[in-house]
């Protein structure tokens, strides 16, 4: 029985397209800290300095606060009393 063998190339998979790593250790991209992690972290300034720092940043226009979405509800309170 005679067979004809024809060479063919399989479609490449995602693993075939990966460049060699050159023995570089795996580096994870730095993720953002969660709110709990930021609260636990120790900062180089005192908690009592935060309002002054915030005011200084506002005055020097380094930060901007967004406009209120509902200014008519400004005086309302969540307390149902």
N, C-alpha and C. Protein backbone atom coordinates (compact mmCIF):
# COMPACT_ATOMS: atom_id res chain seq x y z
N UNK A 1 0.85 -1.17 0.00
CA UNK A 1 0.00 0.00 0.00
C UNK A 1 0.90 1.24 0.00
N UNK A 2 0.71 2.13 -0.93
CA UNK A 2 1.52 3.33 -1.08
C UNK A 2 0.79 4.52 -0.49
N UNK A 3 1.53 5.33 0.30
CA UNK A 3 0.96 6.53 0.92
C UNK A 3 1.78 7.74 0.50
N UNK A 4 1.09 8.82 0.27
CA UNK A 4 1.77 10.09 0.01
C UNK A 4 1.75 10.90 1.29
N UNK A 5 2.90 11.30 1.79
CA UNK A 5 3.00 12.09 3.02
C UNK A 5 3.29 13.53 2.61
N UNK A 6 2.41 14.41 3.05
CA UNK A 6 2.56 15.83 2.73
C UNK A 6 2.82 16.58 4.04
N UNK A 7 3.97 17.27 4.17
CA UNK A 7 4.21 18.03 5.40
C UNK A 7 3.31 19.26 5.47
N UNK A 8 2.84 19.57 6.65
CA UNK A 8 2.02 20.77 6.84
C UNK A 8 2.33 21.34 8.21
N UNK A 9 2.04 22.61 8.37
CA UNK A 9 2.30 23.28 9.63
C UNK A 9 0.99 23.54 10.34
N UNK A 10 0.95 23.21 11.62
CA UNK A 10 -0.24 23.48 12.42
C UNK A 10 -0.30 24.97 12.74
N UNK A 11 -1.51 25.44 12.96
CA UNK A 11 -1.66 26.85 13.35
C UNK A 11 -1.00 27.06 14.70
N UNK A 12 -0.34 28.19 14.84
CA UNK A 12 0.35 28.46 16.09
C UNK A 12 -0.65 28.81 17.18
N UNK A 13 -0.28 28.48 18.39
CA UNK A 13 -1.11 28.81 19.55
C UNK A 13 -0.51 30.03 20.23
N UNK A 14 -1.16 30.48 21.26
CA UNK A 14 -0.69 31.66 21.98
C UNK A 14 0.68 31.40 22.59
N UNK A 15 0.95 30.17 23.03
CA UNK A 15 2.24 29.87 23.64
C UNK A 15 3.38 29.98 22.63
N UNK A 16 3.11 29.67 21.36
CA UNK A 16 4.15 29.74 20.35
C UNK A 16 4.58 31.17 20.06
N UNK A 17 3.70 32.13 20.30
CA UNK A 17 3.98 33.53 19.98
C UNK A 17 4.69 34.27 21.11
N UNK A 18 4.93 33.62 22.23
CA UNK A 18 5.54 34.27 23.39
C UNK A 18 7.04 34.40 23.16
N UNK A 19 7.56 35.59 23.40
CA UNK A 19 8.99 35.82 23.23
C UNK A 19 9.75 35.15 24.37
N UNK A 20 10.99 34.75 24.14
CA UNK A 20 11.78 34.13 25.22
C UNK A 20 12.02 35.12 26.34
N UNK A 21 12.11 34.61 27.55
CA UNK A 21 12.17 35.47 28.73
C UNK A 21 13.58 35.94 29.05
N UNK A 22 14.61 35.29 28.52
CA UNK A 22 16.00 35.66 28.78
C UNK A 22 16.34 35.63 30.27
N UNK A 23 15.78 34.67 30.98
CA UNK A 23 16.06 34.46 32.40
C UNK A 23 15.76 35.69 33.25
N UNK A 24 14.77 36.46 32.89
CA UNK A 24 14.36 37.62 33.67
C UNK A 24 13.34 37.14 34.70
N UNK A 25 13.56 37.44 35.99
CA UNK A 25 12.57 37.01 36.99
C UNK A 25 11.23 37.68 36.74
N UNK A 26 10.18 36.99 37.11
CA UNK A 26 8.82 37.49 36.88
C UNK A 26 8.59 38.73 37.73
N UNK A 27 8.17 39.80 37.08
CA UNK A 27 7.87 41.05 37.78
C UNK A 27 6.39 41.34 37.64
N UNK A 28 5.71 41.34 38.76
CA UNK A 28 4.28 41.65 38.74
C UNK A 28 4.10 43.15 38.64
N UNK A 29 3.14 43.60 37.85
CA UNK A 29 2.86 45.04 37.84
C UNK A 29 2.35 45.47 39.21
N UNK A 30 2.75 46.64 39.62
CA UNK A 30 2.36 47.10 40.95
C UNK A 30 0.87 47.43 40.95
N UNK A 31 0.14 46.85 41.89
CA UNK A 31 -1.30 47.06 41.95
C UNK A 31 -1.60 48.23 42.88
N UNK A 32 -2.79 48.77 42.73
CA UNK A 32 -3.20 49.87 43.60
C UNK A 32 -3.54 49.32 44.98
N UNK A 33 -3.25 50.12 46.00
CA UNK A 33 -3.56 49.72 47.36
C UNK A 33 -5.06 49.84 47.61
N UNK A 34 -5.58 48.96 48.44
CA UNK A 34 -6.98 49.06 48.83
C UNK A 34 -7.12 50.14 49.89
N UNK A 35 -8.35 50.53 50.16
CA UNK A 35 -8.59 51.57 51.17
C UNK A 35 -8.08 51.13 52.54
N UNK A 36 -8.30 49.87 52.89
CA UNK A 36 -7.82 49.37 54.18
C UNK A 36 -6.30 49.42 54.26
N UNK A 37 -5.63 49.05 53.18
CA UNK A 37 -4.17 49.08 53.17
C UNK A 37 -3.65 50.51 53.30
N UNK A 38 -4.33 51.47 52.68
CA UNK A 38 -3.90 52.86 52.79
C UNK A 38 -4.13 53.40 54.20
N UNK A 39 -5.20 52.95 54.86
CA UNK A 39 -5.48 53.41 56.22
C UNK A 39 -4.48 52.85 57.21
N UNK A 40 -4.03 51.62 56.99
CA UNK A 40 -3.10 50.98 57.91
C UNK A 40 -1.68 51.51 57.73
N UNK A 41 -1.36 51.91 56.53
CA UNK A 41 -0.01 52.39 56.22
C UNK A 41 0.34 53.62 57.06
N UNK A 42 1.60 53.71 57.46
CA UNK A 42 2.05 54.87 58.22
C UNK A 42 2.60 55.92 57.25
N UNK A 43 2.12 57.15 57.39
CA UNK A 43 2.53 58.23 56.51
C UNK A 43 3.52 59.14 57.23
N UNK A 44 4.35 59.89 56.50
CA UNK A 44 5.39 60.71 57.13
C UNK A 44 4.87 62.01 57.73
N UNK A 45 3.57 62.19 57.84
CA UNK A 45 3.02 63.40 58.45
C UNK A 45 1.96 63.00 59.47
N UNK A 46 1.70 63.90 60.37
CA UNK A 46 0.72 63.64 61.43
C UNK A 46 -0.70 63.77 60.89
N UNK A 47 -1.62 63.07 61.51
CA UNK A 47 -3.03 63.17 61.12
C UNK A 47 -3.55 64.59 61.32
N UNK A 48 -3.01 65.27 62.31
CA UNK A 48 -3.47 66.63 62.58
C UNK A 48 -3.02 67.62 61.49
N UNK A 49 -2.05 67.25 60.68
CA UNK A 49 -1.56 68.12 59.60
C UNK A 49 -2.40 68.01 58.32
N UNK A 50 -3.23 67.00 58.23
CA UNK A 50 -3.97 66.74 56.99
C UNK A 50 -4.87 67.91 56.58
N UNK A 51 -5.68 68.50 57.47
CA UNK A 51 -6.52 69.63 57.03
C UNK A 51 -5.71 70.81 56.48
N UNK A 52 -4.59 71.11 57.11
CA UNK A 52 -3.74 72.21 56.63
C UNK A 52 -3.15 71.87 55.27
N UNK A 53 -2.69 70.64 55.09
CA UNK A 53 -2.14 70.22 53.80
C UNK A 53 -3.21 70.30 52.72
N UNK A 54 -4.41 69.85 53.05
CA UNK A 54 -5.52 69.89 52.10
C UNK A 54 -5.83 71.33 51.69
N UNK A 55 -5.91 72.22 52.67
CA UNK A 55 -6.18 73.64 52.38
C UNK A 55 -5.08 74.25 51.52
N UNK A 56 -3.84 73.92 51.81
CA UNK A 56 -2.72 74.44 51.01
C UNK A 56 -2.80 73.96 49.56
N UNK A 57 -3.17 72.71 49.37
CA UNK A 57 -3.30 72.18 48.02
C UNK A 57 -4.44 72.85 47.26
N UNK A 58 -5.54 73.13 47.95
CA UNK A 58 -6.66 73.82 47.32
C UNK A 58 -6.29 75.25 46.94
N UNK A 59 -5.61 75.94 47.83
CA UNK A 59 -5.22 77.33 47.57
C UNK A 59 -4.25 77.44 46.39
N UNK A 60 -3.35 76.48 46.28
CA UNK A 60 -2.36 76.54 45.20
C UNK A 60 -2.87 75.90 43.90
N UNK A 61 -4.14 75.53 43.88
CA UNK A 61 -4.80 74.93 42.71
C UNK A 61 -4.11 73.65 42.22
N UNK A 62 -3.55 72.91 43.15
CA UNK A 62 -2.96 71.62 42.79
C UNK A 62 -4.02 70.52 42.76
N UNK A 63 -5.12 70.74 43.46
CA UNK A 63 -6.25 69.82 43.39
C UNK A 63 -7.51 70.64 43.18
N UNK A 64 -8.47 70.06 42.52
CA UNK A 64 -9.77 70.70 42.31
C UNK A 64 -10.86 69.77 42.80
N UNK A 65 -11.81 70.33 43.49
CA UNK A 65 -12.95 69.53 43.92
C UNK A 65 -14.02 69.57 42.84
N UNK A 66 -14.70 68.47 42.61
CA UNK A 66 -15.78 68.48 41.61
C UNK A 66 -16.95 69.32 42.10
N UNK A 67 -17.71 69.85 41.15
CA UNK A 67 -18.89 70.63 41.52
C UNK A 67 -19.95 69.71 42.09
N UNK A 68 -20.77 70.26 42.97
CA UNK A 68 -21.83 69.46 43.57
C UNK A 68 -22.87 69.11 42.52
N UNK A 69 -23.35 67.88 42.58
CA UNK A 69 -24.35 67.44 41.61
C UNK A 69 -25.74 67.97 41.97
N UNK A 70 -26.00 68.08 43.26
CA UNK A 70 -27.32 68.55 43.72
C UNK A 70 -27.13 69.63 44.79
N UNK A 71 -26.83 70.85 44.40
CA UNK A 71 -26.59 71.91 45.40
C UNK A 71 -27.84 72.23 46.22
N UNK A 72 -29.03 71.95 45.67
CA UNK A 72 -30.25 72.24 46.44
C UNK A 72 -30.39 71.31 47.64
N UNK A 73 -29.69 70.19 47.65
CA UNK A 73 -29.79 69.24 48.76
C UNK A 73 -28.65 69.44 49.77
N UNK A 74 -27.93 70.51 49.64
CA UNK A 74 -26.77 70.75 50.50
C UNK A 74 -27.15 70.80 51.98
N UNK A 75 -28.24 71.45 52.32
CA UNK A 75 -28.63 71.63 53.72
C UNK A 75 -29.33 70.40 54.31
N UNK A 76 -29.71 69.46 53.50
CA UNK A 76 -30.42 68.29 54.01
C UNK A 76 -29.48 67.41 54.81
N UNK A 77 -30.07 66.72 55.79
CA UNK A 77 -29.30 65.82 56.63
C UNK A 77 -29.87 64.42 56.48
N UNK A 78 -29.04 63.43 56.75
CA UNK A 78 -29.49 62.05 56.68
C UNK A 78 -30.27 61.65 57.93
N UNK A 79 -30.15 62.45 58.97
CA UNK A 79 -30.81 62.15 60.23
C UNK A 79 -32.31 62.42 60.11
N UNK A 80 -33.18 61.41 60.30
CA UNK A 80 -34.62 61.61 60.11
C UNK A 80 -35.33 62.32 61.26
N UNK A 81 -34.64 62.82 62.26
CA UNK A 81 -35.28 63.45 63.43
C UNK A 81 -36.09 64.62 63.03
